[in-house]
Amino acid sequence: MTDPRLGIVHVHTHWSHDGRDSLPELALACRRRGIGFVGLTEHAEDLDASRWGEYVAACASASGEGVRLIPGLEFRFAGHKGLHLLALGLARWHEPATPAEFVERVAPDAGFTMVAHPVLTGHRVPDEVLAGVDALEVWNAAYNTRWLPDPRAVELLHQARRRRPAMVGVAGLDQHDSRNDRETRVRLLAEEADPLAALRGGRFENLGRTMRFDPAVSWGPARLGTLRAIRLVYDRIERTQDRLARWLAGR
């Protein structure tokens, strides 16, 4: 049985070049895991206006039996390496050429907008983006692993919230294959007709394998410092394992 309050965001299907699941396959996986809604974020460069219309219809067709598939896109921009902006619940097709165009034209037409995996930008995000999007992905389960969020992304969120207290931090799945469930979730505080409005309004909590936290990531310096230290040790171990694996593969 699915929980209408439980969702995943930042999800790709085979409508993206690097996604494995069909929309019906994704819906089935969500039913098995009790997930009630999915914030989809297909790569915008893999679609066009005509395909977008087909995709929205396919999302509606694959929804049902307790699972709602919400169409959305992930945008990249020339000259902004690593900056990917997500727009969930889009009402129509958009082709923004710059981050500023995304904020001006796409964000007002979306149900929820987010900066994805800020680690890829070195945690540097243009001010106009932080001033115009709803959320920052403070835990990307693909890049930060399923075990720990990104402490530098949390710090960036805290800085942004000093200017815009409404900005929220989100645990994103960045899923391309439902067989590999990295287990990050968002859970609404109450059942709502529009889950994206609940995310935008901060009426949810983030869940992961090791912790749960609120949209403001209300951690003091001591807890954040502990996370930084643990993250540093974990990343060093992971890099050592990667080097060992490459060495063994080359033998």
Protein backbone atom coordinates (compact mmCIF):
# COMPACT_ATOMS: atom_id res chain seq x y z
CA MET A 1 0.00 0.00 0.00
CA THR A 2 1.38 3.40 -0.93
CA ASP A 3 1.63 6.40 1.39
CA PRO A 4 0.42 9.61 -0.37
CA ARG A 5 2.73 11.61 1.91
CA LEU A 6 5.88 9.72 0.89
CA GLY A 7 7.74 10.82 -2.21
CA ILE A 8 10.99 10.81 -4.14
CA VAL A 9 12.37 13.69 -6.16
CA HIS A 10 15.05 14.02 -8.85
CA VAL A 11 14.18 10.89 -10.80
CA HIS A 12 14.93 9.90 -14.42
CA THR A 13 13.32 7.28 -16.66
CA HIS A 14 14.19 6.02 -20.13
CA TRP A 15 12.86 9.30 -21.50
CA SER A 16 16.34 10.50 -20.45
CA HIS A 17 19.33 9.07 -22.34
CA ASP A 18 20.82 7.62 -19.15
CA GLY A 19 17.61 6.34 -17.56
CA ARG A 20 16.64 2.66 -17.48
CA ASP A 21 13.02 2.47 -16.32
CA SER A 22 9.90 3.00 -18.33
CA LEU A 23 7.27 5.08 -16.59
CA PRO A 24 5.10 2.01 -15.83
CA GLU A 25 8.16 0.17 -14.45
CA LEU A 26 8.96 3.12 -12.20
CA ALA A 27 5.35 3.29 -10.99
CA LEU A 28 5.43 -0.41 -10.15
CA ALA A 29 8.69 -0.04 -8.19
CA CYS A 30 7.13 2.84 -6.24
CA ARG A 31 4.05 0.81 -5.38
CA ARG A 32 6.24 -1.95 -4.03
CA ARG A 33 8.10 0.57 -1.84
CA GLY A 34 5.05 2.45 -0.63
CA ILE A 35 5.96 5.65 -2.47
CA GLY A 36 2.98 7.85 -3.34
CA PHE A 37 4.47 10.57 -5.55
CA VAL A 38 7.50 11.04 -7.79
CA GLY A 39 9.06 14.35 -8.84
CA LEU A 40 10.46 13.48 -12.28
CA THR A 41 13.35 15.45 -13.78
CA GLU A 42 14.17 14.21 -17.28
CA HIS A 43 17.14 15.75 -19.09
CA ALA A 44 15.74 18.66 -21.08
CA GLU A 45 18.25 18.14 -23.89
CA ASP A 46 16.68 14.72 -24.57
CA LEU A 47 13.23 16.17 -25.31
CA ASP A 48 11.60 18.85 -27.44
CA ALA A 49 8.20 20.53 -27.42
CA SER A 50 6.50 17.65 -29.25
CA ARG A 51 8.09 14.94 -27.10
CA TRP A 52 7.28 16.92 -23.99
CA GLY A 53 3.58 16.69 -24.76
CA GLU A 54 3.90 12.94 -25.28
CA TYR A 55 5.82 12.63 -22.03
CA VAL A 56 3.25 14.52 -19.95
CA ALA A 57 0.52 12.28 -21.35
CA ALA A 58 2.61 9.18 -20.60
CA CYS A 59 3.12 10.32 -16.99
CA ALA A 60 -0.63 10.68 -16.56
CA SER A 61 -1.25 7.29 -18.13
CA ALA A 62 1.31 5.52 -15.90
CA SER A 63 -0.01 7.17 -12.73
CA GLY A 64 -2.68 5.51 -10.64
CA GLU A 65 -3.15 2.83 -7.99
CA GLY A 66 -1.72 5.17 -5.38
CA VAL A 67 1.26 6.52 -7.36
CA ARG A 68 1.42 9.97 -8.96
CA LEU A 69 4.15 10.66 -11.52
CA ILE A 70 4.79 14.41 -11.74
CA PRO A 71 6.56 15.48 -14.96
CA GLY A 72 9.59 17.73 -14.77
CA LEU A 73 12.91 18.61 -16.38
CA GLU A 74 16.59 19.04 -15.52
CA PHE A 75 18.26 21.94 -17.35
CA ARG A 76 21.95 22.54 -18.06
CA PHE A 77 23.51 25.76 -19.33
CA ALA A 78 26.49 26.54 -21.54
CA GLY A 79 29.23 28.29 -19.60
CA HIS A 80 27.92 27.09 -16.23
CA LYS A 81 29.69 23.78 -15.64
CA GLY A 82 27.90 21.54 -13.19
CA LEU A 83 24.94 23.88 -12.67
CA HIS A 84 21.78 21.83 -13.15
CA LEU A 85 18.40 23.33 -12.31
CA LEU A 86 15.32 21.19 -11.76
CA ALA A 87 11.76 22.20 -12.52
CA LEU A 88 9.07 19.82 -11.24
CA GLY A 89 5.42 20.04 -12.20
CA LEU A 90 5.92 22.09 -15.34
CA ALA A 91 2.79 23.21 -17.14
CA ARG A 92 4.45 23.57 -20.56
CA TRP A 93 7.67 23.22 -22.50
CA HIS A 94 10.55 25.63 -21.90
CA GLU A 95 14.04 26.10 -23.36
CA PRO A 96 15.91 28.55 -21.11
CA ALA A 97 19.35 29.47 -22.45
CA THR A 98 20.70 30.87 -19.17
CA PRO A 99 20.13 30.43 -15.45
CA ALA A 100 18.59 33.91 -15.39
CA GLU A 101 16.05 32.84 -18.03
CA PHE A 102 15.25 29.77 -15.95
CA VAL A 103 14.48 31.94 -12.94
CA GLU A 104 12.49 34.45 -14.98
CA ARG A 105 10.50 32.15 -17.26
CA VAL A 106 10.56 28.59 -15.97
CA ALA A 107 10.33 28.98 -12.21
CA PRO A 108 6.97 30.81 -12.25
CA ASP A 109 5.54 28.02 -14.41
CA ALA A 110 6.78 25.15 -12.23
CA GLY A 111 5.40 23.66 -9.07
CA PHE A 112 8.82 23.34 -7.45
CA THR A 113 12.36 24.33 -8.49
CA MET A 114 15.70 23.19 -7.15
CA VAL A 115 19.46 23.46 -7.58
CA ALA A 116 20.71 19.91 -8.09
CA HIS A 117 23.93 18.41 -6.64
CA PRO A 118 25.79 21.66 -5.80
CA VAL A 119 28.96 19.61 -5.31
CA LEU A 120 29.35 19.68 -9.13
CA THR A 121 29.66 23.47 -9.10
CA GLY A 122 32.13 23.51 -6.22
CA HIS A 123 29.19 24.78 -4.12
CA ARG A 124 29.16 28.05 -6.06
CA VAL A 125 25.69 29.04 -7.28
CA PRO A 126 24.84 32.36 -8.98
CA ASP A 127 23.06 34.81 -6.70
CA GLU A 128 20.17 35.22 -9.14
CA VAL A 129 19.55 31.48 -8.94
CA LEU A 130 19.58 31.38 -5.13
CA ALA A 131 17.21 34.35 -5.20
CA GLY A 132 14.74 32.63 -7.51
CA VAL A 133 14.53 28.88 -6.84
CA ASP A 134 12.63 27.09 -4.13
CA ALA A 135 15.22 24.60 -2.92
CA LEU A 136 18.77 23.35 -2.75
CA GLU A 137 19.57 19.64 -2.96
CA VAL A 138 21.55 19.15 0.24
CA TRP A 139 21.67 15.38 -0.13
CA ASN A 140 22.08 13.88 -3.59
CA ALA A 141 22.07 10.13 -3.11
CA ALA A 142 24.09 9.54 -6.29
CA TYR A 143 26.93 12.00 -5.71
CA ASN A 144 26.89 12.18 -1.89
CA THR A 145 26.01 8.46 -1.49
CA ARG A 146 23.05 7.08 0.43
CA TRP A 147 24.86 7.37 3.75
CA LEU A 148 25.45 11.08 4.39
CA PRO A 149 24.28 14.47 3.10
CA ASP A 150 26.67 17.14 1.83
CA PRO A 151 27.79 19.43 4.70
CA ARG A 152 28.98 22.15 2.31
CA ALA A 153 25.58 22.13 0.62
CA VAL A 154 23.98 22.51 4.05
CA GLU A 155 26.23 25.50 4.73
CA LEU A 156 25.24 27.00 1.37
CA LEU A 157 21.58 26.54 2.28
CA HIS A 158 22.08 28.27 5.62
CA GLN A 159 23.76 31.20 3.87
CA ALA A 160 20.94 31.45 1.31
CA ARG A 161 18.27 31.25 4.01
CA ARG A 162 19.70 34.30 5.74
CA ARG A 163 18.49 36.25 2.72
CA ARG A 164 15.52 34.04 1.78
CA PRO A 165 14.17 32.10 4.77
CA ALA A 166 11.64 30.38 2.52
CA MET A 167 14.32 28.35 0.70
CA VAL A 168 14.31 24.68 1.68
CA GLY A 169 16.84 21.86 1.67
CA VAL A 170 15.88 18.61 -0.03
CA ALA A 171 17.17 15.04 -0.07
CA GLY A 172 17.13 14.07 -3.75
CA LEU A 173 17.43 10.57 -5.13
CA ASP A 174 18.94 11.31 -8.59
CA GLN A 175 17.66 7.90 -9.61
CA HIS A 176 18.33 6.47 -13.08
CA ASP A 177 17.58 2.83 -12.32
CA SER A 178 14.95 1.79 -9.79
CA ARG A 179 16.81 -1.47 -9.12
CA ASN A 180 19.36 0.64 -7.23
CA ASP A 181 17.31 2.36 -4.55
CA ARG A 182 19.53 4.70 -2.54
CA GLU A 183 16.62 5.28 -0.15
CA THR A 184 16.40 9.06 0.22
CA ARG A 185 12.80 10.24 0.55
CA VAL A 186 10.68 13.28 1.34
CA ARG A 187 7.68 12.85 3.59
CA LEU A 188 4.92 15.45 3.79
CA LEU A 189 3.75 16.38 7.27
CA ALA A 190 0.16 15.77 6.18
CA GLU A 191 -1.58 14.48 3.10
CA GLU A 192 -2.06 17.32 0.60
CA ALA A 193 -3.65 17.55 -2.81
CA ASP A 194 -0.52 19.21 -4.23
CA PRO A 195 2.67 17.63 -2.89
CA LEU A 196 4.86 20.18 -4.70
CA ALA A 197 3.11 23.02 -2.89
CA ALA A 198 3.88 21.22 0.38
CA LEU A 199 7.55 20.95 -0.58
CA ARG A 200 7.69 24.59 -1.59
CA GLY A 201 6.05 25.58 1.68
CA GLY A 202 8.46 23.51 3.79
CA ARG A 203 5.75 21.18 5.06
CA PHE A 204 7.85 18.03 4.89
CA GLU A 205 10.84 16.22 6.31
CA ASN A 206 13.79 14.58 4.60
CA LEU A 207 14.49 10.90 5.20
CA GLY A 208 17.57 8.81 4.49
CA ARG A 209 19.12 5.56 5.56
CA THR A 210 21.06 7.19 8.41
CA MET A 211 19.05 10.27 9.44
CA ARG A 212 16.04 12.49 9.00
CA PHE A 213 15.96 16.29 9.10
CA ASP A 214 13.73 19.29 8.51
CA PRO A 215 13.71 21.49 5.37
CA ALA A 216 15.82 24.18 7.07
CA VAL A 217 18.39 21.56 8.10
CA SER A 218 18.34 23.13 11.56
CA TRP A 219 21.71 21.93 12.77
CA GLY A 220 24.02 23.93 14.96
CA PRO A 221 27.78 24.34 14.42
CA ALA A 222 28.64 21.29 16.55
CA ARG A 223 26.46 18.87 14.60
CA LEU A 224 27.50 20.33 11.27
CA GLY A 225 31.16 20.10 12.29
CA THR A 226 30.68 16.44 13.22
CA LEU A 227 29.09 15.78 9.83
CA ARG A 228 32.02 17.48 8.07
CA ALA A 229 34.51 15.31 9.96
CA ILE A 230 32.64 12.08 9.29
CA ARG A 231 32.13 13.02 5.66
CA LEU A 232 35.86 13.71 5.26
CA VAL A 233 36.81 10.29 6.64
CA TYR A 234 34.15 8.56 4.56
CA ASP A 235 35.25 10.30 1.36
CA ARG A 236 38.88 9.37 1.95
CA ILE A 237 37.93 5.72 2.44
CA GLU A 238 35.81 5.83 -0.70
CA ARG A 239 38.65 7.35 -2.76
CA THR A 240 41.04 4.68 -1.48
CA GLN A 241 38.58 1.96 -2.47
CA ASP A 242 38.21 3.50 -5.93
CA ARG A 243 42.00 3.61 -6.43
CA LEU A 244 42.32 0.01 -5.28
CA ALA A 245 39.57 -1.11 -7.63
CA ARG A 246 41.24 0.64 -10.58
CA TRP A 247 44.61 -0.91 -9.66
CA LEU A 248 43.11 -4.41 -9.45
CA ALA A 249 41.30 -3.91 -12.75
CA GLY A 250 44.58 -2.94 -14.43
CA ARG A 251 46.51 -6.00 -13.26
